[in-house]
PDB file of N, CA and C in Angstrom:
ATOM      1  N   MET A   1       4.644  -2.533  10.615  1.00  0.00           N
ATOM      2  CA  MET A   1       5.319  -2.599   9.552  1.00  0.00           C
ATOM      3  C   MET A   1       5.663  -4.070   9.168  1.00  0.00           C
ATOM      4  N   ILE A   2       5.680  -4.598   7.812  1.00  0.00           N
ATOM      5  CA  ILE A   2       5.931  -5.965   7.526  1.00  0.00           C
ATOM      6  C   ILE A   2       6.672  -5.619   6.016  1.00  0.00           C
ATOM      7  N   LEU A   3       7.473  -6.882   5.782  1.00  0.00           N
ATOM      8  CA  LEU A   3       8.336  -7.088   4.296  1.00  0.00           C
ATOM      9  C   LEU A   3       7.408  -8.289   4.000  1.00  0.00           C
ATOM     10  N   ILE A   4       6.906  -7.984   2.866  1.00  0.00           N
ATOM     11  CA  ILE A   4       6.397  -9.295   2.138  1.00  0.00           C
ATOM     12  C   ILE A   4       7.327  -9.847   0.980  1.00  0.00           C
ATOM     13  N   TYR A   5       7.859 -10.978   1.197  1.00  0.00           N
ATOM     14  CA  TYR A   5       8.768 -11.789   0.357  1.00  0.00           C
ATOM     15  C   TYR A   5       8.031 -12.478  -0.643  1.00  0.00           C
ATOM     16  N   ILE A   6       8.126 -12.378  -1.854  1.00  0.00           N
ATOM     17  CA  ILE A   6       7.076 -12.906  -3.196  1.00  0.00           C
ATOM     18  C   ILE A   6       8.414 -13.394  -3.952  1.00  0.00           C
ATOM     19  N   THR A   7       8.106 -14.548  -4.558  1.00  0.00           N
ATOM     20  CA  THR A   7       9.118 -15.140  -5.337  1.00  0.00           C
ATOM     21  C   THR A   7       8.340 -14.911  -7.206  1.00  0.00           C
ATOM     22  N   CYS A   8       9.122 -14.667  -7.781  1.00  0.00           N
ATOM     23  CA  CYS A   8       8.161 -14.423  -9.352  1.00  0.00           C
ATOM     24  C   CYS A   8       9.167 -15.122 -10.289  1.00  0.00           C
ATOM     25  N   LYS A   9       8.594 -15.334 -11.287  1.00  0.00           N
ATOM     26  CA  LYS A   9       9.167 -16.222 -12.609  1.00  0.00           C
ATOM     27  C   LYS A   9      10.268 -15.254 -13.038  1.00  0.00           C
ATOM     28  N   SER A  10      10.021 -14.020 -13.015  1.00  0.00           N
ATOM     29  CA  SER A  10      10.914 -12.951 -13.743  1.00  0.00           C
ATOM     30  C   SER A  10      10.774 -11.688 -13.149  1.00  0.00           C
ATOM     31  N   VAL A  11      11.742 -10.695 -13.712  1.00  0.00           N
ATOM     32  CA  VAL A  11      11.865  -9.270 -13.104  1.00  0.00           C
ATOM     33  C   VAL A  11      10.645  -8.664 -13.577  1.00  0.00           C
ATOM     34  N   ALA A  12      10.026  -9.145 -14.873  1.00  0.00           N
ATOM     35  CA  ALA A  12       8.821  -8.283 -15.511  1.00  0.00           C
ATOM     36  C   ALA A  12       7.800  -8.617 -14.594  1.00  0.00           C
ATOM     37  N   GLU A  13       7.706 -10.061 -14.272  1.00  0.00           N
ATOM     38  CA  GLU A  13       6.280 -10.103 -13.654  1.00  0.00           C
ATOM     39  C   GLU A  13       6.462  -9.522 -12.131  1.00  0.00           C
ATOM     40  N   ALA A  14       7.690  -9.686 -11.358  1.00  0.00           N
ATOM     41  CA  ALA A  14       7.871  -8.919 -10.346  1.00  0.00           C
ATOM     42  C   ALA A  14       7.640  -7.172 -10.248  1.00  0.00           C
ATOM     43  N   GLU A  15       7.721  -6.743 -11.135  1.00  0.00           N
ATOM     44  CA  GLU A  15       7.698  -5.293 -11.433  1.00  0.00           C
ATOM     45  C   GLU A  15       6.068  -5.018 -11.811  1.00  0.00           C
ATOM     46  N   LYS A  16       5.523  -6.048 -12.628  1.00  0.00           N
ATOM     47  CA  LYS A  16       4.091  -5.775 -12.651  1.00  0.00           C
ATOM     48  C   LYS A  16       3.088  -5.924 -11.767  1.00  0.00           C
ATOM     49  N   ILE A  17       3.609  -7.097 -10.750  1.00  0.00           N
ATOM     50  CA  ILE A  17       2.952  -7.127  -9.529  1.00  0.00           C
ATOM     51  C   ILE A  17       3.230  -5.984  -8.569  1.00  0.00           C
ATOM     52  N   GLY A  18       4.269  -5.585  -8.427  1.00  0.00           N
ATOM     53  CA  GLY A  18       4.776  -4.527  -7.652  1.00  0.00           C
ATOM     54  C   GLY A  18       4.070  -3.203  -7.859  1.00  0.00           C
ATOM     55  N   THR A  19       4.025  -3.027  -9.276  1.00  0.00           N
ATOM     56  CA  THR A  19       3.230  -1.503  -9.678  1.00  0.00           C
ATOM     57  C   THR A  19       1.934  -1.743  -9.539  1.00  0.00           C
ATOM     58  N   HIS A  20       1.416  -2.940  -9.526  1.00  0.00           N
ATOM     59  CA  HIS A  20      -0.093  -3.060  -9.443  1.00  0.00           C
ATOM     60  C   HIS A  20      -0.592  -2.912  -8.020  1.00  0.00           C
ATOM     61  N   LEU A  21       0.363  -3.409  -7.182  1.00  0.00           N
ATOM     62  CA  LEU A  21       0.050  -3.255  -5.402  1.00  0.00           C
ATOM     63  C   LEU A  21       0.189  -1.713  -5.134  1.00  0.00           C
ATOM     64  N   MET A  22       1.066  -0.950  -5.730  1.00  0.00           N
ATOM     65  CA  MET A  22       1.079   0.376  -5.504  1.00  0.00           C
ATOM     66  C   MET A  22       0.151   0.839  -5.933  1.00  0.00           C
ATOM     67  N   SER A  23      -0.377   0.887  -7.113  1.00  0.00           N
ATOM     68  CA  SER A  23      -1.688   1.449  -7.954  1.00  0.00           C
ATOM     69  C   SER A  23      -2.774   1.188  -7.069  1.00  0.00           C
ATOM     70  N   LYS A  24      -2.796   0.321  -6.335  1.00  0.00           N
ATOM     71  CA  LYS A  24      -4.008  -0.022  -5.283  1.00  0.00           C
ATOM     72  C   LYS A  24      -3.855   0.564  -3.816  1.00  0.00           C
ATOM     73  N   ARG A  25      -2.575   1.350  -3.642  1.00  0.00           N
ATOM     74  CA  ARG A  25      -2.287   1.920  -2.289  1.00  0.00           C
ATOM     75  C   ARG A  25      -1.920   0.714  -1.143  1.00  0.00           C
ATOM     76  N   LEU A  26      -1.660  -0.474  -1.845  1.00  0.00           N
ATOM     77  CA  LEU A  26      -1.351  -1.588  -0.755  1.00  0.00           C
ATOM     78  C   LEU A  26      -0.091  -1.500  -0.044  1.00  0.00           C
ATOM     79  N   CYS A  27       0.878  -0.728  -0.881  1.00  0.00           N
ATOM     80  CA  CYS A  27       2.208  -0.480  -0.513  1.00  0.00           C
ATOM     81  C   CYS A  27       2.746   0.765  -1.321  1.00  0.00           C
ATOM     82  N   PRO A  28       3.824   1.318  -0.746  1.00  0.00           N
ATOM     83  CA  PRO A  28       4.281   2.727  -1.325  1.00  0.00           C
ATOM     84  C   PRO A  28       5.326   2.378  -1.864  1.00  0.00           C
ATOM     85  N   CYS A  29       6.066   1.131  -1.889  1.00  0.00           N
ATOM     86  CA  CYS A  29       7.240   0.880  -2.656  1.00  0.00           C
ATOM     87  C   CYS A  29       7.687  -0.445  -2.568  1.00  0.00           C
ATOM     88  N   PHE A  30       8.402  -0.877  -3.588  1.00  0.00           N
ATOM     89  CA  PHE A  30       8.908  -2.271  -3.692  1.00  0.00           C
ATOM     90  C   PHE A  30      10.257  -2.357  -4.146  1.00  0.00           C
ATOM     91  N   ASN A  31      10.820  -3.388  -3.845  1.00  0.00           N
ATOM     92  CA  ASN A  31      12.164  -3.658  -4.354  1.00  0.00           C
ATOM     93  C   ASN A  31      12.184  -5.073  -5.223  1.00  0.00           C
ATOM     94  N   VAL A  32      12.901  -5.132  -6.073  1.00  0.00           N
ATOM     95  CA  VAL A  32      13.025  -6.282  -7.115  1.00  0.00           C
ATOM     96  C   VAL A  32      14.527  -6.741  -7.002  1.00  0.00           C
ATOM     97  N   ILE A  33      14.688  -7.938  -6.744  1.00  0.00           N
ATOM     98  CA  ILE A  33      16.124  -8.667  -6.614  1.00  0.00           C
ATOM     99  C   ILE A  33      16.072  -9.424  -7.856  1.00  0.00           C
ATOM    100  N   PRO A  34      16.676  -9.075  -8.870  1.00  0.00           N
ATOM    101  CA  PRO A  34      16.558  -9.755 -10.126  1.00  0.00           C
ATOM    102  C   PRO A  34      16.972 -11.129 -10.205  1.00  0.00           C
ATOM    103  N   LYS A  35      17.861 -11.835  -9.632  1.00  0.00           N
ATOM    104  CA  LYS A  35      18.004 -12.966 -10.195  1.00  0.00           C
ATOM    105  C   LYS A  35      18.547 -13.740  -8.599  1.00  0.00           C
ATOM    106  N   ILE A  36      17.922 -14.864  -8.310  1.00  0.00           N
ATOM    107  CA  ILE A  36      18.184 -15.831  -7.390  1.00  0.00           C
ATOM    108  C   ILE A  36      17.866 -17.199  -7.925  1.00  0.00           C
ATOM    109  N   TYR A  37      18.475 -18.323  -7.242  1.00  0.00           N
ATOM    110  CA  TYR A  37      18.614 -19.671  -7.914  1.00  0.00           C
ATOM    111  C   TYR A  37      17.418 -20.342  -6.753  1.00  0.00           C
ATOM    112  N   ALA A  38      16.498 -21.034  -7.155  1.00  0.00           N
ATOM    113  CA  ALA A  38      15.583 -21.858  -6.477  1.00  0.00           C
ATOM    114  C   ALA A  38      15.636 -23.146  -6.726  1.00  0.00           C
ATOM    115  N   SER A  39      15.386 -24.077  -5.475  1.00  0.00           N
ATOM    116  CA  SER A  39      15.100 -25.403  -5.733  1.00  0.00           C
ATOM    117  C   SER A  39      14.160 -25.832  -4.798  1.00  0.00           C
ATOM    118  N   SER A  40      13.060 -26.837  -5.383  1.00  0.00           N
ATOM    119  CA  SER A  40      11.987 -27.137  -4.555  1.00  0.00           C
ATOM    120  C   SER A  40      11.290 -28.473  -5.161  1.00  0.00           C
ATOM    121  N   PHE A  41      10.706 -29.198  -4.274  1.00  0.00           N
ATOM    122  CA  PHE A  41      10.006 -30.317  -4.831  1.00  0.00           C
ATOM    123  C   PHE A  41       8.795 -29.750  -5.538  1.00  0.00           C
ATOM    124  N   TRP A  42       8.813 -30.216  -6.767  1.00  0.00           N
ATOM    125  CA  TRP A  42       7.730 -29.871  -7.662  1.00  0.00           C
ATOM    126  C   TRP A  42       7.592 -30.768  -8.951  1.00  0.00           C
ATOM    127  N   PRO A  43       6.579 -31.348  -9.290  1.00  0.00           N
ATOM    128  CA  PRO A  43       5.008 -31.153  -8.603  1.00  0.00           C
ATOM    129  C   PRO A  43       5.147 -31.619  -7.153  1.00  0.00           C
ATOM    130  N   PRO A  44       4.127 -31.185  -6.407  1.00  0.00           N
ATOM    131  CA  PRO A  44       4.056 -31.442  -5.024  1.00  0.00           C
ATOM    132  C   PRO A  44       3.904 -32.773  -4.670  1.00  0.00           C
ATOM    133  N   LYS A  45       4.390 -33.126  -3.612  1.00  0.00           N
ATOM    134  CA  LYS A  45       4.274 -34.795  -3.187  1.00  0.00           C
ATOM    135  C   LYS A  45       5.010 -35.549  -3.938  1.00  0.00           C
ATOM    136  N   THR A  46       6.213 -34.951  -4.753  1.00  0.00           N
ATOM    137  CA  THR A  46       6.943 -35.974  -5.499  1.00  0.00           C
ATOM    138  C   THR A  46       8.191 -35.730  -4.824  1.00  0.00           C
ATOM    139  N   ALA A  47       9.158 -36.825  -5.281  1.00  0.00           N
ATOM    140  CA  ALA A  47      10.356 -36.581  -4.896  1.00  0.00           C
ATOM    141  C   ALA A  47      11.396 -35.738  -5.981  1.00  0.00           C
ATOM    142  N   GLU A  48      10.530 -35.171  -7.295  1.00  0.00           N
ATOM    143  CA  GLU A  48      11.182 -34.343  -8.085  1.00  0.00           C
ATOM    144  C   GLU A  48      11.802 -33.106  -7.658  1.00  0.00           C
ATOM    145  N   VAL A  49      13.041 -32.794  -7.866  1.00  0.00           N
ATOM    146  CA  VAL A  49      13.510 -31.537  -7.621  1.00  0.00           C
ATOM    147  C   VAL A  49      13.712 -30.615  -8.803  1.00  0.00           C
ATOM    148  N   GLU A  50      13.010 -29.566  -8.623  1.00  0.00           N
ATOM    149  CA  GLU A  50      12.873 -28.487 -10.113  1.00  0.00           C
ATOM    150  C   GLU A  50      13.891 -27.281  -9.487  1.00  0.00           C
ATOM    151  N   LYS A  51      14.905 -26.763 -10.486  1.00  0.00           N
ATOM    152  CA  LYS A  51      15.636 -25.919 -10.088  1.00  0.00           C
ATOM    153  C   LYS A  51      15.236 -24.887 -11.278  1.00  0.00           C
ATOM    154  N   SER A  52      15.500 -23.564 -10.879  1.00  0.00           N
ATOM    155  CA  SER A  52      14.901 -22.736 -11.622  1.00  0.00           C
ATOM    156  C   SER A  52      15.519 -21.102 -11.184  1.00  0.00           C
ATOM    157  N   GLU A  53      15.520 -20.332 -12.073  1.00  0.00           N
ATOM    158  CA  GLU A  53      16.016 -18.801 -11.719  1.00  0.00           C
ATOM    159  C   GLU A  53      14.668 -18.063 -11.407  1.00  0.00           C
ATOM    160  N   GLU A  54      14.594 -17.104 -10.351  1.00  0.00           N
ATOM    161  CA  GLU A  54      13.547 -16.456 -10.182  1.00  0.00           C
ATOM    162  C   GLU A  54      14.012 -15.150  -9.867  1.00  0.00           C
ATOM    163  N   ALA A  55      12.995 -14.093  -9.648  1.00  0.00           N
ATOM    164  CA  ALA A  55      13.369 -12.915  -9.045  1.00  0.00           C
ATOM    165  C   ALA A  55      12.500 -12.720  -7.711  1.00  0.00           C
ATOM    166  N   VAL A  56      13.079 -11.872  -6.739  1.00  0.00           N
ATOM    167  CA  VAL A  56      12.321 -11.649  -5.648  1.00  0.00           C
ATOM    168  C   VAL A  56      11.619 -10.354  -5.347  1.00  0.00           C
ATOM    169  N   LEU A  57      10.517 -10.184  -5.510  1.00  0.00           N
ATOM    170  CA  LEU A  57       9.733  -9.075  -5.082  1.00  0.00           C
ATOM    171  C   LEU A  57       9.597  -8.802  -3.442  1.00  0.00           C
ATOM    172  N   LEU A  58      10.193  -7.655  -3.011  1.00  0.00           N
ATOM    173  CA  LEU A  58      10.078  -7.083  -1.542  1.00  0.00           C
ATOM    174  C   LEU A  58       9.054  -6.097  -1.474  1.00  0.00           C
ATOM    175  N   VAL A  59       7.983  -6.301  -0.842  1.00  0.00           N
ATOM    176  CA  VAL A  59       6.797  -5.285  -0.728  1.00  0.00           C
ATOM    177  C   VAL A  59       6.996  -4.721   0.806  1.00  0.00           C
ATOM    178  N   LYS A  60       7.108  -3.305   0.980  1.00  0.00           N
ATOM    179  CA  LYS A  60       7.143  -2.891   2.194  1.00  0.00           C
ATOM    180  C   LYS A  60       5.780  -2.250   2.731  1.00  0.00           C
ATOM    181  N   THR A  61       4.952  -2.564   3.742  1.00  0.00           N
ATOM    182  CA  THR A  61       3.618  -2.059   3.875  1.00  0.00           C
ATOM    183  C   THR A  61       3.253  -2.445   5.410  1.00  0.00           C
ATOM    184  N   LEU A  62       2.094  -2.383   5.620  1.00  0.00           N
ATOM    185  CA  LEU A  62       1.637  -2.322   6.788  1.00  0.00           C
ATOM    186  C   LEU A  62       0.975  -3.819   7.157  1.00  0.00           C
ATOM    187  N   GLU A  63       0.913  -4.507   8.414  1.00  0.00           N
ATOM    188  CA  GLU A  63       0.460  -5.880   8.506  1.00  0.00           C
ATOM    189  C   GLU A  63      -0.917  -5.966   8.309  1.00  0.00           C
ATOM    190  N   GLU A  64      -1.837  -5.059   8.314  1.00  0.00           N
ATOM    191  CA  GLU A  64      -3.280  -5.019   7.726  1.00  0.00           C
ATOM    192  C   GLU A  64      -3.521  -5.202   6.540  1.00  0.00           C
ATOM    193  N   LYS A  65      -2.409  -4.926   5.637  1.00  0.00           N
ATOM    194  CA  LYS A  65      -2.463  -4.754   4.308  1.00  0.00           C
ATOM    195  C   LYS A  65      -2.327  -6.373   3.809  1.00  0.00           C
ATOM    196  N   PHE A  66      -1.879  -7.285   4.631  1.00  0.00           N
ATOM    197  CA  PHE A  66      -1.538  -8.597   4.075  1.00  0.00           C
ATOM    198  C   PHE A  66      -2.342  -9.195   3.201  1.00  0.00           C
ATOM    199  N   ASP A  67      -3.471  -9.414   3.670  1.00  0.00           N
ATOM    200  CA  ASP A  67      -4.608 -10.276   3.052  1.00  0.00           C
ATOM    201  C   ASP A  67      -4.821  -9.683   1.812  1.00  0.00           C
ATOM    202  N   ALA A  68      -5.195  -8.426   1.628  1.00  0.00           N
ATOM    203  CA  ALA A  68      -5.459  -7.664   0.199  1.00  0.00           C
ATOM    204  C   ALA A  68      -4.305  -7.885  -0.690  1.00  0.00           C
ATOM    205  N   ILE A  69      -2.912  -7.902  -0.184  1.00  0.00           N
ATOM    206  CA  ILE A  69      -1.866  -7.982  -1.009  1.00  0.00           C
ATOM    207  C   ILE A  69      -1.889  -9.791  -1.376  1.00  0.00           C
ATOM    208  N   GLU A  70      -2.015 -10.710  -0.727  1.00  0.00           N
ATOM    209  CA  GLU A  70      -2.084 -11.917  -1.152  1.00  0.00           C
ATOM    210  C   GLU A  70      -3.107 -12.009  -2.278  1.00  0.00           C
ATOM    211  N   LYS A  71      -4.227 -11.379  -1.910  1.00  0.00           N
ATOM    212  CA  LYS A  71      -5.275 -11.792  -2.972  1.00  0.00           C
ATOM    213  C   LYS A  71      -5.130 -11.275  -4.425  1.00  0.00           C
ATOM    214  N   GLU A  72      -4.447  -9.815  -4.321  1.00  0.00           N
ATOM    215  CA  GLU A  72      -3.963  -9.373  -5.535  1.00  0.00           C
ATOM    216  C   GLU A  72      -2.642  -9.987  -6.243  1.00  0.00           C
ATOM    217  N   VAL A  73      -1.878 -10.492  -5.466  1.00  0.00           N
ATOM    218  CA  VAL A  73      -0.716 -11.258  -6.177  1.00  0.00           C
ATOM    219  C   VAL A  73      -1.387 -12.708  -6.675  1.00  0.00           C
ATOM    220  N   CYS A  74      -2.187 -13.299  -5.859  1.00  0.00           N
ATOM    221  CA  CYS A  74      -2.608 -14.393  -6.731  1.00  0.00           C
ATOM    222  C   CYS A  74      -3.283 -14.389  -7.856  1.00  0.00           C
ATOM    223  N   LYS A  75      -4.085 -13.065  -8.280  1.00  0.00           N
ATOM    224  CA  LYS A  75      -4.751 -12.730  -9.351  1.00  0.00           C
ATOM    225  C   LYS A  75      -3.896 -12.666 -10.566  1.00  0.00           C
ATOM    226  N   LEU A  76      -2.501 -12.188 -10.068  1.00  0.00           N
ATOM    227  CA  LEU A  76      -1.519 -11.906 -11.271  1.00  0.00           C
ATOM    228  C   LEU A  76      -0.519 -12.964 -11.567  1.00  0.00           C
ATOM    229  N   HIS A  77      -0.204 -13.525 -10.423  1.00  0.00           N
ATOM    230  CA  HIS A  77       1.091 -14.419 -10.640  1.00  0.00           C
ATOM    231  C   HIS A  77       0.790 -15.726 -11.575  1.00  0.00           C
ATOM    232  N   SER A  78       1.889 -15.820 -12.017  1.00  0.00           N
ATOM    233  CA  SER A  78       1.933 -17.062 -12.921  1.00  0.00           C
ATOM    234  C   SER A  78       2.140 -18.669 -12.477  1.00  0.00           C
ATOM    235  N   TYR A  79       2.452 -18.622 -11.108  1.00  0.00           N
ATOM    236  CA  TYR A  79       2.616 -19.936 -10.179  1.00  0.00           C
ATOM    237  C   TYR A  79       1.309 -20.111  -9.900  1.00  0.00           C
ATOM    238  N   ASP A  80       1.182 -21.614  -9.795  1.00  0.00           N
ATOM    239  CA  ASP A  80      -0.078 -21.977  -9.124  1.00  0.00           C
ATOM    240  C   ASP A  80      -0.016 -21.925  -7.759  1.00  0.00           C
ATOM    241  N   VAL A  81       1.051 -21.935  -6.795  1.00  0.00           N
ATOM    242  CA  VAL A  81       1.435 -21.942  -5.658  1.00  0.00           C
ATOM    243  C   VAL A  81       2.380 -20.842  -5.461  1.00  0.00           C
ATOM    244  N   PRO A  82       2.072 -19.453  -5.472  1.00  0.00           N
ATOM    245  CA  PRO A  82       3.161 -18.365  -5.380  1.00  0.00           C
ATOM    246  C   PRO A  82       3.628 -18.462  -3.816  1.00  0.00           C
ATOM    247  N   CYS A  83       4.948 -18.142  -3.696  1.00  0.00           N
ATOM    248  CA  CYS A  83       5.598 -18.122  -2.515  1.00  0.00           C
ATOM    249  C   CYS A  83       5.318 -16.628  -1.719  1.00  0.00           C
ATOM    250  N   ILE A  84       4.557 -16.184  -0.951  1.00  0.00           N
ATOM    251  CA  ILE A  84       4.151 -15.143  -0.393  1.00  0.00           C
ATOM    252  C   ILE A  84       4.032 -15.261   1.261  1.00  0.00           C
ATOM    253  N   PHE A  85       5.155 -14.526   1.830  1.00  0.00           N
ATOM    254  CA  PHE A  85       5.088 -14.533   3.186  1.00  0.00           C
ATOM    255  C   PHE A  85       5.888 -13.032   3.658  1.00  0.00           C
ATOM    256  N   ALA A  86       5.143 -12.886   5.053  1.00  0.00           N
ATOM    257  CA  ALA A  86       5.741 -11.882   5.771  1.00  0.00           C
ATOM    258  C   ALA A  86       6.621 -11.896   6.601  1.00  0.00           C
ATOM    259  N   ILE A  87       7.463 -10.818   6.628  1.00  0.00           N
ATOM    260  CA  ILE A  87       8.595 -10.809   7.657  1.00  0.00           C
ATOM    261  C   ILE A  87       8.022  -9.530   8.785  1.00  0.00           C
ATOM    262  N   PRO A  88       7.993  -9.789   9.733  1.00  0.00           N
ATOM    263  CA  PRO A  88       7.902  -8.589  10.803  1.00  0.00           C
ATOM    264  C   PRO A  88       8.855  -7.635  10.800  1.00  0.00           C
ATOM    265  N   VAL A  89       8.924  -6.387  10.796  1.00  0.00           N
ATOM    266  CA  VAL A  89       9.960  -5.551  10.933  1.00  0.00           C
ATOM    267  C   VAL A  89      10.029  -5.226  12.357  1.00  0.00           C
ATOM    268  N   VAL A  90      11.058  -5.265  13.034  1.00  0.00           N
ATOM    269  CA  VAL A  90      11.245  -5.035  14.299  1.00  0.00           C
ATOM    270  C   VAL A  90      11.541  -3.580  14.769  1.00  0.00           C
ATOM    271  N   GLN A  91      12.206  -2.931  13.930  1.00  0.00           N
ATOM    272  CA  GLN A  91      12.525  -1.581  13.969  1.00  0.00           C
ATOM    273  C   GLN A  91      12.671  -1.054  12.676  1.00  0.00           C
ATOM    274  N   VAL A  92      11.998   0.249  12.764  1.00  0.00           N
ATOM    275  CA  VAL A  92      12.171   1.171  11.721  1.00  0.00           C
ATOM    276  C   VAL A  92      12.383   2.484  11.999  1.00  0.00           C
ATOM    277  N   SER A  93      13.050   3.510  11.105  1.00  0.00           N
ATOM    278  CA  SER A  93      13.335   4.848  11.426  1.00  0.00           C
ATOM    279  C   SER A  93      12.026   5.689  11.453  1.00  0.00           C
ATOM    280  N   THR A  94      11.873   6.406  12.231  1.00  0.00           N
ATOM    281  CA  THR A  94      10.461   7.245  12.519  1.00  0.00           C
ATOM    282  C   THR A  94      10.167   7.765  11.176  1.00  0.00           C
ATOM    283  N   LYS A  95      11.141   8.774  10.706  1.00  0.00           N
ATOM    284  CA  LYS A  95      10.613   9.372   9.380  1.00  0.00           C
ATOM    285  C   LYS A  95      10.218   8.344   8.215  1.00  0.00           C
ATOM    286  N   TYR A  96      11.081   6.991   7.913  1.00  0.00           N
ATOM    287  CA  TYR A  96      10.407   6.292   7.173  1.00  0.00           C
ATOM    288  C   TYR A  96       9.017   5.906   7.265  1.00  0.00           C
ATOM    289  N   PHE A  97       8.977   5.217   8.661  1.00  0.00           N
ATOM    290  CA  PHE A  97       7.577   4.773   8.965  1.00  0.00           C
ATOM    291  C   PHE A  97       6.402   5.790   8.961  1.00  0.00           C
ATOM    292  N   GLN A  98       6.694   6.952   9.132  1.00  0.00           N
ATOM    293  CA  GLN A  98       5.725   8.066   8.841  1.00  0.00           C
ATOM    294  C   GLN A  98       5.439   8.430   7.316  1.00  0.00           C
ATOM    295  N   TRP A  99       6.592   8.176   6.632  1.00  0.00           N
ATOM    296  CA  TRP A  99       6.284   8.393   5.179  1.00  0.00           C
ATOM    297  C   TRP A  99       5.637   7.222   4.579  1.00  0.00           C
ATOM    298  N   LEU A 100       5.651   5.979   5.101  1.00  0.00           N
ATOM    299  CA  LEU A 100       5.017   4.708   4.500  1.00  0.00           C
ATOM    300  C   LEU A 100       3.516   4.918   5.165  1.00  0.00           C
ATOM    301  N   GLN A 101       3.168   5.179   6.344  1.00  0.00           N
ATOM    302  CA  GLN A 101       1.981   5.191   6.864  1.00  0.00           C
ATOM    303  C   GLN A 101       1.112   6.702   6.028  1.00  0.00           C
ATOM    304  N   GLY A 102       1.916   7.383   5.842  1.00  0.00           N
ATOM    305  CA  GLY A 102       1.067   8.602   4.916  1.00  0.00           C
ATOM    306  C   GLY A 102       0.632   8.205   3.448  1.00  0.00           C
ATOM    307  N   GLU A 103       1.852   7.465   2.806  1.00  0.00           N
ATOM    308  CA  GLU A 103       1.284   7.077   1.435  1.00  0.00           C
ATOM    309  C   GLU A 103       0.081   5.626   1.414  1.00  0.00           C
ATOM    310  N   LEU A 104       0.070   5.250   2.525  1.00  0.00           N
ATOM    311  CA  LEU A 104      -1.098   4.312   2.695  1.00  0.00           C
ATOM    312  C   LEU A 104      -2.437   4.807   3.153  1.00  0.00           C
ATOM    313  N   ALA A 105      -2.287   6.075   3.437  1.00  0.00           N
ATOM    314  CA  ALA A 105      -3.667   6.609   4.046  1.00  0.00           C
ATOM    315  C   ALA A 105      -4.728   6.695   2.906  1.00  0.00           C
ATOM    316  N   GLU A 106      -6.049   6.647   3.388  1.00  0.00           N
ATOM    317  CA  GLU A 106      -7.154   6.716   2.221  1.00  0.00           C
ATOM    318  C   GLU A 106      -6.828   7.814   0.930  1.00  0.00           C
ATOM    319  N   ASN A 107      -6.561   9.107   1.558  1.00  0.00           N
ATOM    320  CA  ASN A 107      -6.336  10.205   0.841  1.00  0.00           C
ATOM    321  C   ASN A 107      -5.122  11.011   1.067  1.00  0.00           C
ATOM    322  N   PRO A 108      -4.070  10.265   0.414  1.00  0.00           N
ATOM    323  CA  PRO A 108      -2.609  10.784   0.477  1.00  0.00           C
ATOM    324  C   PRO A 108      -2.605  12.228   0.260  1.00  0.00           C
ATOM    325  N   GLU A 109      -2.007  12.961   0.758  1.00  0.00           N
ATOM    326  CA  GLU A 109      -1.681  14.544   0.364  1.00  0.00           C
ATOM    327  C   GLU A 109      -0.757  14.452  -0.977  1.00  0.00           C
ATOM    328  N   LYS A 110      -1.288  15.290  -1.912  1.00  0.00           N
ATOM    329  CA  LYS A 110      -0.173  15.346  -2.938  1.00  0.00           C
ATOM    330  C   LYS A 110       0.423  16.911  -2.884  1.00  0.00           C
TER     331      LYS A 110
END
């Protein structure tokens, strides 16, 4: 299991991307942290510092889904270079992990 951290320009964008990923069965759920403050060098390779407010999309999924998630996020994301990275989950409760795997199955039972 992994947790994918994605920064977005707004809560609406994060919800749109998260819902799209669920509709493709790439994740069974997501969380949105509505307000974070970001500073970064932008444009790239300059000394300019851009400050902004963003939302964080946290996607819970399996490691083998990362490449497909990255591809889908890049299709929908408003940033030229979206922040998308995976954090490995070291431990997870058995029941939660079984639920997550079940929701990502080819034909989940209804």
